[in-house]
């Protein structure tokens, strides 16, 4: 995955545009992120990877030739990794593993491959605007060793420095709600360097319970669990609409769902 990603972003613009985003879509190559009328300093490829029948193979790069098979294999392996993580989380929460893994099974998975070019004035741009991940679970692969990812703690930004070869796992807002706040999403951003670019491959996994974004029923007192719901239930389609509106306005989203 690393080699094919680096080779793709090293192609001339015309060859990358062979899989450019189409007018009415979001998949493909382009500059996807614009928040508050300002584009992030990045070029990206965004693709639906699971389930297989949802893939738009016309937008999967064939240049370099190993990109497609590498992405297929990588998506399958990350799916296995995510399941292992969810089983461990379920054990920690004291619920049956199926209660948590079932919220993710069969749901859409997507991948965003980002390249953040160097900028001579890095203080004037942002690679990826501060945000929390909106779906269930995120697995990030550093294609190179260039720093740039930062996470917010106690009102301060701290650099994330994963060990060589390690992946970064982020809890998304949906998983935050599913676990009733036991596992928390964290605000993060990407800053740009003056001398070196940065490339990452990020897999996002969606989740819901019966079409709803809500705390797992197994955790709640009303169903024999030990907790009161800290977040209200919301249909997934409404959740996405409200979340994107809050993100664009830079307003706290999870707080709006607290009971």
Protein backbone atom coordinates (compact mmCIF):
# COMPACT_ATOMS: atom_id res chain seq x y z
CA UNK A 1 0.00 0.00 0.00
CA UNK A 2 2.80 2.41 0.86
CA UNK A 3 4.64 1.93 -2.44
CA UNK A 4 1.56 2.28 -4.64
CA UNK A 5 0.42 5.37 -2.72
CA UNK A 6 3.76 7.12 -3.11
CA UNK A 7 3.91 6.23 -6.79
CA UNK A 8 0.42 7.56 -7.45
CA UNK A 9 1.08 10.97 -5.90
CA UNK A 10 4.37 11.13 -7.79
CA UNK A 11 2.54 10.98 -11.13
CA UNK A 12 2.03 14.07 -13.32
CA UNK A 13 -1.25 15.86 -12.66
CA UNK A 14 -2.77 14.74 -15.97
CA UNK A 15 -2.34 11.08 -15.10
CA UNK A 16 -3.76 11.54 -11.60
CA UNK A 17 -6.76 13.31 -13.11
CA UNK A 18 -7.67 10.09 -14.94
CA UNK A 19 -9.58 9.27 -11.73
CA UNK A 20 -10.60 12.82 -10.83
CA UNK A 21 -13.72 13.53 -8.79
CA UNK A 22 -16.77 13.86 -10.99
CA UNK A 23 -19.11 16.82 -10.81
CA UNK A 24 -21.81 15.13 -8.73
CA UNK A 25 -19.65 12.88 -6.55
CA UNK A 26 -16.98 12.76 -3.87
CA UNK A 27 -14.96 9.68 -4.86
CA UNK A 28 -11.76 9.95 -6.84
CA UNK A 29 -8.76 12.24 -6.95
CA UNK A 30 -8.88 15.94 -6.12
CA UNK A 31 -8.82 18.58 -3.41
CA UNK A 32 -11.76 17.44 -1.32
CA UNK A 33 -11.78 19.38 1.90
CA UNK A 34 -13.04 22.91 2.13
CA UNK A 35 -14.14 24.22 5.51
CA UNK A 36 -15.28 27.77 6.10
CA UNK A 37 -14.56 28.54 2.40
CA UNK A 38 -10.90 27.58 2.78
CA UNK A 39 -9.32 24.55 1.10
CA UNK A 40 -7.04 22.35 3.16
CA UNK A 41 -3.45 22.14 1.85
CA UNK A 42 -3.75 18.60 0.49
CA UNK A 43 -4.50 16.44 -2.52
CA UNK A 44 -6.48 13.28 -1.87
CA UNK A 45 -7.97 10.11 -3.28
CA UNK A 46 -11.23 9.05 -1.61
CA UNK A 47 -12.78 5.66 -2.41
CA UNK A 48 -15.48 3.41 -1.03
CA UNK A 49 -13.79 0.09 -0.22
CA UNK A 50 -16.48 -2.01 1.51
CA UNK A 51 -18.88 -3.60 0.83
CA UNK A 52 -17.43 -4.67 -2.50
CA UNK A 53 -20.68 -4.07 -4.39
CA UNK A 54 -20.55 -0.36 -3.46
CA UNK A 55 -17.15 0.19 -5.07
CA UNK A 56 -16.86 2.43 -8.11
CA UNK A 57 -14.01 0.65 -9.84
CA UNK A 58 -13.85 3.30 -12.59
CA UNK A 59 -12.30 5.61 -9.98
CA UNK A 60 -9.80 3.12 -8.56
CA UNK A 61 -6.41 4.07 -9.99
CA UNK A 62 -4.83 1.63 -12.44
CA UNK A 63 -1.65 3.71 -12.51
CA UNK A 64 0.48 2.38 -10.90
CA UNK A 65 -0.73 -1.14 -11.82
CA UNK A 66 -0.38 -2.53 -8.28
CA UNK A 67 -2.66 0.11 -6.74
CA UNK A 68 -5.94 -1.83 -7.10
CA UNK A 69 -4.76 -5.20 -5.74
CA UNK A 70 -2.83 -3.47 -2.97
CA UNK A 71 -5.91 -1.51 -1.89
CA UNK A 72 -8.15 -4.58 -1.99
CA UNK A 73 -5.77 -6.55 0.21
CA UNK A 74 -5.18 -3.63 2.56
CA UNK A 75 -8.92 -3.03 3.01
CA UNK A 76 -9.48 -6.69 3.88
CA UNK A 77 -6.63 -6.73 6.40
CA UNK A 78 -7.74 -3.50 8.08
CA UNK A 79 -11.25 -4.93 8.37
CA UNK A 80 -9.79 -7.88 10.30
CA UNK A 81 -7.76 -5.54 12.50
CA UNK A 82 -10.80 -3.41 13.30
CA UNK A 83 -12.78 -6.47 14.32
CA UNK A 84 -10.01 -7.52 16.70
CA UNK A 85 -10.01 -4.04 18.22
CA UNK A 86 -13.79 -4.05 18.64
CA UNK A 87 -13.76 -7.47 20.30
CA UNK A 88 -11.23 -6.14 22.83
CA UNK A 89 -13.33 -3.01 23.42
CA UNK A 90 -16.46 -5.12 23.98
CA UNK A 91 -14.61 -7.17 26.59
CA UNK A 92 -13.49 -3.96 28.30
CA UNK A 93 -17.06 -2.62 28.26
CA UNK A 94 -18.49 -5.84 29.65
CA UNK A 95 -20.85 -6.48 26.72
CA UNK A 96 -21.10 -9.40 24.35
CA UNK A 97 -18.68 -8.90 21.45
CA UNK A 98 -21.54 -9.25 18.95
CA UNK A 99 -23.23 -6.21 20.45
CA UNK A 100 -20.34 -4.01 19.33
CA UNK A 101 -19.04 -5.80 16.26
CA UNK A 102 -22.60 -6.12 14.96
CA UNK A 103 -22.88 -2.33 14.84
CA UNK A 104 -20.03 -2.30 12.31
CA UNK A 105 -20.64 -5.44 10.25
CA UNK A 106 -21.87 -4.80 6.73
CA UNK A 107 -21.55 -1.04 7.10
CA UNK A 108 -19.69 1.10 4.63
CA UNK A 109 -15.92 1.44 4.75
CA UNK A 110 -14.05 4.15 2.87
CA UNK A 111 -10.46 5.13 2.40
CA UNK A 112 -8.86 8.56 2.09
CA UNK A 113 -5.29 8.78 0.84
CA UNK A 114 -3.81 12.22 1.50
CA UNK A 115 -0.67 13.95 0.29
CA UNK A 116 0.25 17.19 2.04
CA UNK A 117 2.86 18.99 -0.09
CA UNK A 118 5.50 21.17 1.59
CA UNK A 119 4.70 24.87 1.83
CA UNK A 120 7.20 27.71 2.13
CA UNK A 121 4.81 29.49 4.50
CA UNK A 122 3.38 26.67 6.65
CA UNK A 123 2.03 29.11 9.22
CA UNK A 124 -0.44 30.40 6.60
CA UNK A 125 -2.02 27.05 5.70
CA UNK A 126 -3.40 23.92 7.34
CA UNK A 127 -3.04 20.39 6.04
CA UNK A 128 -6.27 19.16 7.59
CA UNK A 129 -8.48 21.46 9.64
CA UNK A 130 -9.06 20.50 13.28
CA UNK A 131 -11.91 18.00 13.60
CA UNK A 132 -13.06 14.78 15.20
CA UNK A 133 -13.69 11.77 12.95
CA UNK A 134 -17.38 11.45 12.24
CA UNK A 135 -17.80 7.71 11.71
CA UNK A 136 -17.07 4.72 13.93
CA UNK A 137 -13.43 3.76 13.81
CA UNK A 138 -10.41 5.11 11.93
CA UNK A 139 -7.10 3.42 11.14
CA UNK A 140 -4.32 5.67 9.85
CA UNK A 141 -1.15 4.45 8.13
CA UNK A 142 1.84 6.79 7.87
CA UNK A 143 3.18 6.21 4.36
CA UNK A 144 6.32 8.18 5.23
CA UNK A 145 7.91 9.30 8.49
CA UNK A 146 7.16 13.01 8.13
CA UNK A 147 5.49 14.41 11.29
CA UNK A 148 2.39 16.57 11.16
CA UNK A 149 -0.47 14.89 13.00
CA UNK A 150 -1.46 16.68 16.20
CA UNK A 151 -4.11 15.97 18.82
CA UNK A 152 -5.82 18.38 21.20
CA UNK A 153 -5.54 17.78 24.92
CA UNK A 154 -6.39 20.30 27.64
CA UNK A 155 -6.60 23.13 25.14
CA UNK A 156 -3.09 22.44 23.76
CA UNK A 157 -1.93 20.74 20.58
CA UNK A 158 0.46 17.81 20.99
CA UNK A 159 2.35 16.03 18.18
CA UNK A 160 1.51 12.36 17.58
CA UNK A 161 4.68 10.32 17.16
CA UNK A 162 3.80 6.68 16.47
CA UNK A 163 6.49 4.03 16.67
CA UNK A 164 8.06 2.98 13.38
CA UNK A 165 5.65 0.76 11.45
CA UNK A 166 2.76 1.42 13.85
CA UNK A 167 -0.72 2.54 12.89
CA UNK A 168 -2.79 5.24 14.56
CA UNK A 169 -6.31 4.27 15.65
CA UNK A 170 -8.86 7.04 16.22
CA UNK A 171 -12.21 6.65 17.92
CA UNK A 172 -14.87 8.36 15.82
CA UNK A 173 -17.91 10.24 17.09
CA UNK A 174 -20.25 7.31 16.38
CA UNK A 175 -18.14 4.91 18.47
CA UNK A 176 -17.97 7.59 21.16
CA UNK A 177 -21.79 7.54 21.29
CA UNK A 178 -22.11 3.75 20.93
CA UNK A 179 -19.90 3.28 24.01
CA UNK A 180 -21.80 6.01 25.88
CA UNK A 181 -18.59 8.04 26.15
CA UNK A 182 -16.38 5.24 27.49
CA UNK A 183 -14.22 5.52 24.37
CA UNK A 184 -13.88 9.15 23.36
CA UNK A 185 -13.25 10.80 20.04
CA UNK A 186 -10.37 13.30 20.02
CA UNK A 187 -9.99 16.50 18.05
CA UNK A 188 -6.98 16.40 15.74
CA UNK A 189 -5.43 18.21 12.80
CA UNK A 190 -2.56 18.01 10.34
CA UNK A 191 0.03 20.77 10.04
CA UNK A 192 2.23 21.24 7.00
CA UNK A 193 6.02 21.30 6.84
CA UNK A 194 8.18 23.76 4.95
CA UNK A 195 10.66 21.24 3.54
CA UNK A 196 8.98 17.84 3.35
CA UNK A 197 5.60 16.59 2.23
CA UNK A 198 3.52 14.07 4.17
CA UNK A 199 1.43 11.15 2.93
CA UNK A 200 -1.12 9.04 4.82
CA UNK A 201 -3.64 6.31 4.07
CA UNK A 202 -6.74 6.45 6.28
CA UNK A 203 -9.54 3.89 6.54
CA UNK A 204 -12.90 4.97 7.96
CA UNK A 205 -15.49 2.43 9.15
CA UNK A 206 -19.13 3.41 9.56
CA UNK A 207 -21.43 2.01 12.26
CA UNK A 208 -25.00 2.20 13.54
CA UNK A 209 -27.49 0.14 15.55
CA UNK A 210 -30.70 -0.55 13.67
CA UNK A 211 -30.17 2.56 11.55
CA UNK A 212 -29.64 4.69 14.65
CA UNK A 213 -26.63 6.37 16.20
CA UNK A 214 -27.20 5.65 19.89
CA UNK A 215 -25.57 4.17 22.99
CA UNK A 216 -25.45 0.37 22.86
CA UNK A 217 -28.65 -0.93 24.51
CA UNK A 218 -26.59 -3.54 26.40
CA UNK A 219 -24.84 -0.77 28.34
CA UNK A 220 -27.98 0.90 29.64
CA UNK A 221 -29.80 0.41 32.95
CA UNK A 222 -33.16 0.02 31.22
CA UNK A 223 -31.83 -3.14 29.57
CA UNK A 224 -29.99 -4.52 32.59
CA UNK A 225 -26.76 -2.60 32.07
CA UNK A 226 -25.25 -0.23 34.56
CA UNK A 227 -25.47 3.17 32.91
CA UNK A 228 -27.89 5.91 32.00
CA UNK A 229 -27.74 7.08 28.39
CA UNK A 230 -25.52 10.15 28.10
CA UNK A 231 -26.44 10.83 24.46
CA UNK A 232 -29.76 10.90 22.69
CA UNK A 233 -30.51 8.49 19.85
CA UNK A 234 -30.60 9.95 16.37
CA UNK A 235 -31.26 8.39 12.94
CA UNK A 236 -28.01 7.95 11.06
CA UNK A 237 -29.10 10.09 8.09
CA UNK A 238 -30.02 12.93 10.46
CA UNK A 239 -26.78 12.45 12.40
CA UNK A 240 -24.70 13.00 9.25
CA UNK A 241 -26.68 16.08 8.26
CA UNK A 242 -26.41 17.69 11.70
CA UNK A 243 -22.75 16.77 12.10
CA UNK A 244 -21.63 18.25 8.80
CA UNK A 245 -23.53 21.44 9.57
CA UNK A 246 -21.82 21.71 12.97
CA UNK A 247 -18.42 20.94 11.45
CA UNK A 248 -18.78 23.70 8.88
CA UNK A 249 -19.67 26.18 11.63
CA UNK A 250 -16.86 24.90 13.95
CA UNK A 251 -19.39 24.22 16.68
CA UNK A 252 -19.19 21.40 19.20
CA UNK A 253 -21.21 18.48 17.89
CA UNK A 254 -21.25 15.79 20.54
CA UNK A 255 -22.32 18.31 23.18
CA UNK A 256 -25.49 18.93 21.17
CA UNK A 257 -26.44 15.26 21.60
CA UNK A 258 -25.87 15.08 25.35
CA UNK A 259 -28.83 14.33 27.58
